[in-house]
Amino acid sequence: MAAAGGSGSSGGGSPVAAGGNRRLKYISLAVLVVQNASLILSIRYVRTLPGDRFFATSAVVMAEILKGVTCLLLIFIQKKGNLKQFAASLYDSIVVQYMDTLKLAVPSLIYTLQNNLQYVAISNLPAATFQVTYQLKILTTAVFSVLMLRKSLSRLQWLSLVLLFVGVAIVQVEQQQAGGRSPPGGQGMQQNYMVGLVAVVVSCLSSGFAGVYFEKILKGSAASVWLRNVQLGIFGTLLGLLGLWSTEGAAVAERGFFFGYTPLVWGVILNQAFGGLLVAVVVKYADNILKGFATSFSIVVSTVASIYLFDFHLNLLFALGAGLVIGAVYLYSLPKGPLASRSLAGTATEDQGHTAQSKELPSVTTDGFLSKILAKEKGS
């Protein structure tokens, strides 16, 4: 609703309204950059601290639970606190229309896998390297959208995808030349660059497929944004618990579900759970060019922060590769035609890592959650 109003006022709004919209865009840019960079940096930080290491699978489950509870609360507020109406609505949408609910099992499985893989990748790769490499999700989403949804890309977008691939490849060459170095101290000796690289590549593949598949199966659905996240949360929690039991069940049974949890770990989980919700609100005021710029700027922020936090060594080769990726992300977010409006209604664009237009590819973010929220933004 807010998005529609913003775009509608672009033609002849008052100076006060224009100034307000400009401020909202700047706020949106700041929120997008902070959420993009802070989640990756915070995960990297807590995973490389000395001492007891928390179970990443338990963190994924906790984030799903918190997101689900939050969405239930939002639905309850939408029903104006009417408990009977709230319960009846959930029963009808989840139980009675069970086939509609079951449609979300596949994307939920992929999102859960992706969230766990992100922990593996960030635990084994420098934050800046992960941030750059993870932009491959733009390439995978574009390819799956062309194959599964028959969407077309402009020449500029295809060129940007080539630049993106070249930039990521240069970064990997630089890291291999550096021996896949890990920062000194902490648990750096336990890190494996190749494990992290495989994890981030598989995560990008799952991101692209899940986003496009999610869009395809839910086209035409009238379900609310928050209800969709409750349905995804149900499967996500169950599948997350299954993954926890199968990979770390014995250790969790011995040490406890919350083993290794510190205030910093809780901060990461809260960021993962609520960061996407916060961005989902402000992203209505950000066009795709702004989103692309936010992603590019978050790469810079992550790189600079990594130098100070993790003793990351920046050299010319890495800067060249990261620069190509930053440019490619921005180019991909540009309109298809020179006269296209900045609202980009109906154009095929990929979001800066976590968002998508209602008629666009739902891409998956560092936690995969925002794409779930915004995939049906039009329906809300």
Protein backbone atom coordinates (compact mmCIF):
# COMPACT_ATOMS: atom_id res chain seq x y z
CA MET A 1 0.00 0.00 0.00
CA ALA A 2 2.79 2.40 0.94
CA ALA A 3 4.72 1.41 -2.15
CA ALA A 4 1.81 2.17 -4.40
CA GLY A 5 1.35 5.55 -2.82
CA GLY A 6 5.02 6.41 -3.16
CA SER A 7 5.19 5.62 -6.84
CA GLY A 8 1.96 7.41 -7.54
CA SER A 9 3.19 10.66 -6.09
CA SER A 10 6.35 10.79 -8.11
CA GLY A 11 4.79 12.82 -10.92
CA GLY A 12 3.61 15.97 -9.18
CA GLY A 13 3.91 15.66 -5.44
CA SER A 14 4.53 18.63 -3.17
CA PRO A 15 8.08 19.60 -2.13
CA VAL A 16 7.31 18.42 1.40
CA ALA A 17 6.18 15.02 0.14
CA ALA A 18 9.20 14.80 -2.16
CA GLY A 19 11.51 15.62 0.74
CA GLY A 20 9.81 12.99 2.88
CA ASN A 21 10.19 10.36 0.17
CA ARG A 22 13.85 11.30 -0.24
CA ARG A 23 14.45 10.86 3.48
CA LEU A 24 12.66 7.51 3.42
CA LYS A 25 14.92 6.37 0.57
CA TYR A 26 18.02 7.36 2.50
CA ILE A 27 16.72 5.52 5.56
CA SER A 28 15.94 2.50 3.38
CA LEU A 29 19.45 2.58 1.95
CA ALA A 30 20.99 2.69 5.44
CA VAL A 31 18.82 -0.17 6.72
CA LEU A 32 19.56 -2.35 3.69
CA VAL A 33 23.31 -1.78 3.97
CA VAL A 34 23.42 -2.36 7.72
CA GLN A 35 21.29 -5.52 7.56
CA ASN A 36 23.29 -6.94 4.63
CA ALA A 37 26.69 -6.33 6.16
CA SER A 38 25.94 -6.81 9.86
CA LEU A 39 24.49 -10.31 9.55
CA ILE A 40 27.50 -11.67 7.67
CA LEU A 41 30.03 -9.89 9.88
CA SER A 42 28.31 -10.94 13.10
CA ILE A 43 28.06 -14.59 12.05
CA ARG A 44 31.72 -14.57 11.06
CA TYR A 45 32.68 -12.97 14.35
CA VAL A 46 30.82 -15.38 16.64
CA ARG A 47 31.93 -18.41 14.64
CA THR A 48 35.62 -17.50 14.95
CA LEU A 49 35.67 -16.59 18.64
CA PRO A 50 37.66 -18.90 20.92
CA GLY A 51 35.73 -21.03 23.35
CA ASP A 52 32.57 -23.10 23.07
CA ARG A 53 31.07 -23.02 19.61
CA PHE A 54 27.28 -23.03 19.35
CA PHE A 55 25.45 -25.43 17.06
CA ALA A 56 24.61 -23.61 13.83
CA THR A 57 21.68 -25.97 13.23
CA SER A 58 20.11 -24.88 16.52
CA ALA A 59 20.52 -21.22 15.55
CA VAL A 60 18.67 -21.87 12.27
CA VAL A 61 15.82 -23.53 14.18
CA MET A 62 15.61 -20.69 16.71
CA ALA A 63 15.48 -18.09 13.94
CA GLU A 64 12.61 -19.97 12.28
CA ILE A 65 10.71 -20.17 15.57
CA LEU A 66 11.15 -16.47 16.29
CA LYS A 67 10.06 -15.50 12.78
CA GLY A 68 7.03 -17.73 12.97
CA VAL A 69 5.96 -16.38 16.37
CA THR A 70 6.44 -12.81 15.15
CA CYS A 71 4.29 -13.41 12.07
CA LEU A 72 1.60 -15.04 14.22
CA LEU A 73 1.60 -11.94 16.41
CA LEU A 74 1.27 -9.69 13.35
CA ILE A 75 -1.67 -11.75 12.07
CA PHE A 76 -3.27 -11.51 15.53
CA ILE A 77 -2.89 -7.73 15.40
CA GLN A 78 -4.41 -7.68 11.90
CA LYS A 79 -7.42 -9.52 13.35
CA LYS A 80 -7.68 -6.70 15.94
CA GLY A 81 -7.02 -9.06 18.83
CA ASN A 82 -10.02 -11.27 18.07
CA LEU A 83 -8.73 -14.66 19.22
CA LYS A 84 -11.64 -16.62 17.73
CA GLN A 85 -11.24 -15.01 14.32
CA PHE A 86 -7.46 -15.45 14.55
CA ALA A 87 -7.72 -19.18 15.28
CA ALA A 88 -10.40 -19.74 12.64
CA SER A 89 -8.31 -17.99 10.01
CA LEU A 90 -5.22 -20.08 10.78
CA TYR A 91 -7.20 -23.32 10.83
CA ASP A 92 -8.81 -22.58 7.48
CA SER A 93 -5.59 -21.42 5.80
CA ILE A 94 -3.24 -24.09 7.16
CA VAL A 95 -5.38 -27.17 7.86
CA VAL A 96 -8.46 -26.94 5.63
CA GLN A 97 -6.44 -25.70 2.67
CA TYR A 98 -3.67 -28.20 3.39
CA MET A 99 -2.73 -28.65 -0.26
CA ASP A 100 -1.88 -24.98 -0.45
CA THR A 101 0.23 -25.33 2.68
CA LEU A 102 2.04 -28.40 1.32
CA LYS A 103 3.16 -26.40 -1.70
CA LEU A 104 5.61 -24.64 0.58
CA ALA A 105 7.36 -27.80 1.75
CA VAL A 106 9.87 -27.81 -1.13
CA PRO A 107 10.97 -24.15 -0.93
CA SER A 108 11.05 -24.40 2.86
CA LEU A 109 13.37 -27.41 2.62
CA ILE A 110 15.68 -25.52 0.27
CA TYR A 111 15.65 -22.39 2.43
CA THR A 112 16.52 -24.46 5.52
CA LEU A 113 19.39 -26.10 3.65
CA GLN A 114 20.57 -22.73 2.43
CA ASN A 115 20.52 -21.17 5.90
CA ASN A 116 22.64 -24.00 7.29
CA LEU A 117 25.04 -23.78 4.35
CA GLN A 118 25.50 -20.08 4.97
CA TYR A 119 26.76 -20.81 8.47
CA VAL A 120 29.18 -23.37 7.04
CA ALA A 121 30.37 -20.94 4.36
CA ILE A 122 30.80 -17.94 6.65
CA SER A 123 32.57 -20.11 9.23
CA ASN A 124 35.18 -21.09 6.64
CA LEU A 125 35.50 -18.01 4.43
CA PRO A 126 36.57 -14.45 5.19
CA ALA A 127 33.48 -12.25 5.47
CA ALA A 128 34.50 -10.09 2.50
CA THR A 129 35.13 -13.15 0.33
CA PHE A 130 31.75 -14.61 1.26
CA GLN A 131 29.97 -11.32 0.57
CA VAL A 132 31.50 -11.07 -2.90
CA THR A 133 31.06 -14.75 -3.82
CA TYR A 134 27.49 -14.88 -2.55
CA GLN A 135 26.46 -12.41 -5.25
CA LEU A 136 26.54 -15.43 -7.59
CA LYS A 137 22.94 -15.91 -6.43
CA ILE A 138 22.04 -13.14 -8.88
CA LEU A 139 23.44 -15.26 -11.71
CA THR A 140 21.71 -18.47 -10.57
CA THR A 141 18.38 -16.70 -10.03
CA ALA A 142 18.58 -15.14 -13.49
CA VAL A 143 19.37 -18.47 -15.15
CA PHE A 144 16.57 -20.30 -13.34
CA SER A 145 14.13 -17.51 -14.16
CA VAL A 146 14.94 -17.79 -17.85
CA LEU A 147 14.65 -21.59 -17.79
CA MET A 148 11.61 -21.98 -15.52
CA LEU A 149 9.64 -18.76 -15.98
CA ARG A 150 10.69 -17.89 -19.54
CA LYS A 151 11.68 -14.41 -18.47
CA SER A 152 13.88 -12.31 -20.70
CA LEU A 153 16.95 -10.35 -19.71
CA SER A 154 18.34 -7.27 -21.39
CA ARG A 155 21.76 -7.23 -23.01
CA LEU A 156 22.98 -5.04 -20.18
CA GLN A 157 21.84 -7.61 -17.66
CA TRP A 158 23.57 -10.44 -19.51
CA LEU A 159 26.72 -8.34 -19.65
CA SER A 160 26.46 -7.67 -15.92
CA LEU A 161 26.15 -11.41 -15.25
CA VAL A 162 29.34 -12.06 -17.21
CA LEU A 163 31.14 -9.33 -15.26
CA LEU A 164 29.77 -10.80 -12.04
CA PHE A 165 31.15 -14.25 -12.84
CA VAL A 166 34.53 -12.84 -13.86
CA GLY A 167 34.73 -10.75 -10.69
CA VAL A 168 33.94 -13.71 -8.44
CA ALA A 169 36.46 -15.86 -10.33
CA ILE A 170 39.18 -13.24 -9.80
CA VAL A 171 38.45 -13.18 -6.07
CA GLN A 172 38.76 -16.98 -5.92
CA VAL A 173 42.07 -16.89 -7.78
CA GLU A 174 43.35 -14.29 -5.31
CA GLN A 175 42.26 -16.42 -2.37
CA GLN A 176 43.90 -19.53 -3.83
CA GLN A 177 47.13 -17.61 -4.36
CA ALA A 178 46.92 -16.55 -0.74
CA GLY A 179 46.44 -20.18 0.25
CA GLY A 180 42.86 -19.64 1.43
CA ARG A 181 44.29 -17.93 4.47
CA SER A 182 42.37 -17.68 7.70
CA PRO A 183 42.72 -14.86 10.16
CA PRO A 184 45.09 -15.53 13.03
CA GLY A 185 43.76 -16.44 16.44
CA GLY A 186 40.35 -17.78 17.37
CA GLN A 187 39.51 -21.00 15.60
CA GLY A 188 41.18 -20.09 12.31
CA MET A 189 43.18 -23.33 12.27
CA GLN A 190 39.93 -25.29 11.94
CA GLN A 191 38.75 -23.43 8.86
CA ASN A 192 38.69 -25.04 5.43
CA TYR A 193 38.50 -22.69 2.44
CA MET A 194 37.28 -25.31 -0.03
CA VAL A 195 34.49 -26.41 2.30
CA GLY A 196 33.37 -22.81 2.58
CA LEU A 197 33.57 -22.27 -1.18
CA VAL A 198 31.49 -25.36 -1.96
CA ALA A 199 28.96 -24.33 0.69
CA VAL A 200 28.51 -20.83 -0.73
CA VAL A 201 28.20 -22.11 -4.32
CA VAL A 202 25.55 -24.67 -3.35
CA SER A 203 23.83 -21.97 -1.31
CA CYS A 204 23.72 -19.71 -4.38
CA LEU A 205 22.28 -22.53 -6.49
CA SER A 206 19.62 -23.27 -3.89
CA SER A 207 18.89 -19.56 -3.56
CA GLY A 208 18.22 -19.19 -7.26
CA PHE A 209 16.12 -22.31 -7.59
CA ALA A 210 14.08 -21.76 -4.42
CA GLY A 211 13.28 -18.15 -5.26
CA VAL A 212 12.07 -18.93 -8.78
CA TYR A 213 10.22 -22.09 -7.71
CA PHE A 214 8.54 -20.17 -4.89
CA GLU A 215 7.35 -17.50 -7.30
CA LYS A 216 6.09 -20.07 -9.79
CA ILE A 217 3.97 -22.13 -7.41
CA LEU A 218 2.45 -19.14 -5.61
CA LYS A 219 1.43 -17.00 -8.58
CA GLY A 220 -2.19 -16.01 -8.23
CA SER A 221 -2.41 -16.88 -4.54
CA ALA A 222 -4.25 -14.38 -2.33
CA ALA A 223 -2.67 -15.47 0.97
CA SER A 224 -1.16 -12.73 3.11
CA VAL A 225 2.56 -12.17 3.47
CA TRP A 226 2.58 -13.09 7.17
CA LEU A 227 0.50 -16.25 6.67
CA ARG A 228 2.95 -17.48 4.04
CA ASN A 229 5.77 -17.04 6.52
CA VAL A 230 3.87 -18.95 9.19
CA GLN A 231 3.42 -21.83 6.74
CA LEU A 232 7.09 -21.66 5.76
CA GLY A 233 8.04 -21.46 9.42
CA ILE A 234 6.18 -24.66 10.26
CA PHE A 235 8.10 -26.64 7.66
CA GLY A 236 11.31 -24.73 8.33
CA THR A 237 11.23 -25.54 12.05
CA LEU A 238 10.43 -29.22 11.50
CA LEU A 239 13.03 -29.63 8.77
CA GLY A 240 15.57 -27.67 10.80
CA LEU A 241 15.04 -29.98 13.78
CA LEU A 242 15.41 -32.98 11.49
CA GLY A 243 18.69 -31.58 10.17
CA LEU A 244 19.89 -30.89 13.70
CA TRP A 245 19.07 -34.43 14.81
CA SER A 246 20.72 -36.05 11.78
CA THR A 247 23.96 -34.05 11.87
CA GLU A 248 24.51 -33.04 15.49
CA GLY A 249 21.88 -34.99 17.41
CA ALA A 250 24.28 -36.81 19.74
CA ALA A 251 26.25 -33.66 20.56
CA VAL A 252 23.09 -31.64 21.18
CA ALA A 253 21.70 -34.37 23.42
CA GLU A 254 24.92 -34.36 25.43
CA ARG A 255 25.57 -30.62 25.66
CA GLY A 256 22.12 -29.11 25.24
CA PHE A 257 20.27 -27.18 22.55
CA PHE A 258 21.59 -23.81 23.76
CA PHE A 259 25.20 -24.90 24.20
CA GLY A 260 27.60 -22.08 23.39
CA TYR A 261 24.88 -19.42 23.28
CA THR A 262 26.10 -16.00 24.38
CA PRO A 263 24.53 -12.54 24.09
CA LEU A 264 26.40 -12.15 20.80
CA VAL A 265 24.95 -15.39 19.46
CA TRP A 266 21.47 -14.28 20.44
CA GLY A 267 22.17 -11.03 18.63
CA VAL A 268 22.97 -12.96 15.45
CA ILE A 269 19.78 -15.01 15.75
CA LEU A 270 17.65 -11.92 16.36
CA ASN A 271 19.27 -10.20 13.38
CA GLN A 272 18.55 -13.22 11.23
CA ALA A 273 14.98 -13.51 12.46
CA PHE A 274 13.91 -9.86 12.47
CA GLY A 275 16.35 -8.23 10.07
CA GLY A 276 14.40 -9.51 7.08
CA LEU A 277 11.13 -8.27 8.56
CA LEU A 278 12.58 -4.83 9.11
CA VAL A 279 13.96 -4.66 5.59
CA ALA A 280 10.61 -5.87 4.24
CA VAL A 281 9.04 -2.73 5.67
CA VAL A 282 11.58 -0.19 4.43
CA VAL A 283 12.19 -1.83 1.04
CA LYS A 284 8.84 -0.47 -0.16
CA TYR A 285 10.50 2.93 -0.32
CA ALA A 286 13.60 1.73 -2.20
CA ASP A 287 13.64 1.26 -5.96
CA ASN A 288 15.80 -1.40 -7.57
CA ILE A 289 18.63 1.00 -8.36
CA LEU A 290 18.82 1.89 -4.67
CA LYS A 291 18.76 -1.81 -3.75
CA GLY A 292 21.61 -2.52 -6.14
CA PHE A 293 23.60 0.36 -4.71
CA ALA A 294 22.90 -0.92 -1.18
CA THR A 295 24.29 -4.34 -2.04
CA SER A 296 27.37 -2.80 -3.62
CA PHE A 297 27.94 -0.55 -0.63
CA SER A 298 27.46 -3.45 1.80
CA ILE A 299 30.33 -5.29 0.05
CA VAL A 300 32.54 -2.27 0.69
CA VAL A 301 31.42 -2.10 4.32
CA SER A 302 32.08 -5.82 4.85
CA THR A 303 35.52 -5.56 3.28
CA VAL A 304 36.57 -2.54 5.33
CA ALA A 305 35.17 -4.03 8.54
CA SER A 306 36.98 -7.31 7.84
CA ILE A 307 40.30 -5.49 7.68
CA TYR A 308 39.84 -4.22 11.22
CA LEU A 309 37.90 -7.10 12.77
CA PHE A 310 39.52 -10.14 11.16
CA ASP A 311 42.90 -8.90 9.94
CA PHE A 312 41.77 -9.35 6.34
CA HIS A 313 44.48 -8.45 3.80
CA LEU A 314 43.17 -6.41 0.88
CA ASN A 315 45.28 -6.47 -2.28
CA LEU A 316 44.89 -5.25 -5.85
CA LEU A 317 43.57 -8.54 -7.25
CA PHE A 318 40.82 -8.81 -4.64
CA ALA A 319 39.93 -5.15 -5.14
CA LEU A 320 39.66 -5.71 -8.90
CA GLY A 321 37.37 -8.73 -8.50
CA ALA A 322 35.22 -7.04 -5.87
CA GLY A 323 35.01 -3.92 -8.02
CA LEU A 324 33.72 -5.95 -10.97
CA VAL A 325 31.11 -7.60 -8.75
CA ILE A 326 30.01 -4.25 -7.32
CA GLY A 327 29.67 -2.79 -10.80
CA ALA A 328 27.83 -5.87 -12.07
CA VAL A 329 25.30 -5.76 -9.21
CA TYR A 330 24.58 -2.11 -9.92
CA LEU A 331 24.30 -2.63 -13.69
CA TYR A 332 21.93 -5.55 -13.21
CA SER A 333 19.59 -3.35 -11.17
CA LEU A 334 19.26 -0.72 -13.90
CA PRO A 335 16.06 -0.51 -15.98
CA LYS A 336 15.92 -2.49 -19.19
CA GLY A 337 15.26 0.54 -21.38
CA PRO A 338 16.71 4.03 -21.22
CA LEU A 339 13.27 5.56 -20.69
CA ALA A 340 12.03 3.05 -18.15
CA SER A 341 10.75 4.59 -14.96
CA ARG A 342 12.65 4.19 -11.74
CA SER A 343 9.73 2.29 -10.29
CA LEU A 344 10.67 -0.56 -12.69
CA ALA A 345 7.14 -1.90 -12.67
CA GLY A 346 7.04 -5.13 -14.64
CA THR A 347 10.76 -5.34 -15.36
CA ALA A 348 12.84 -8.37 -14.54
CA THR A 349 15.33 -7.43 -11.86
CA GLU A 350 17.09 -9.32 -9.14
CA ASP A 351 17.31 -7.85 -5.74
CA GLN A 352 20.44 -6.95 -3.90
CA GLY A 353 20.59 -10.13 -2.04
CA HIS A 354 17.41 -10.29 -0.21
CA THR A 355 14.43 -8.62 -1.93
CA ALA A 356 12.27 -8.90 -5.00
CA GLN A 357 9.42 -7.04 -6.60
CA SER A 358 6.01 -8.68 -6.53
CA LYS A 359 6.34 -9.71 -10.18
CA GLU A 360 10.03 -10.44 -9.85
CA LEU A 361 12.35 -13.17 -8.82
CA PRO A 362 12.26 -13.76 -5.08
CA SER A 363 15.94 -13.91 -4.26
CA VAL A 364 17.22 -15.34 -1.02
CA THR A 365 19.28 -13.45 1.45
CA THR A 366 21.92 -14.35 3.94
CA ASP A 367 19.11 -16.07 5.82
CA GLY A 368 16.73 -16.63 2.90
CA PHE A 369 13.89 -15.03 4.78
CA LEU A 370 13.22 -11.71 3.10
CA SER A 371 12.52 -13.39 -0.21
CA LYS A 372 9.79 -15.38 1.51
CA ILE A 373 8.27 -12.20 2.87
CA LEU A 374 8.32 -10.18 -0.31
CA ALA A 375 7.45 -12.88 -2.82
CA LYS A 376 3.80 -12.08 -2.22
CA GLU A 377 4.13 -8.40 -1.40
CA LYS A 378 1.61 -7.58 -4.08
CA GLY A 379 -0.98 -9.70 -2.32
CA SER A 380 -0.65 -7.64 0.85
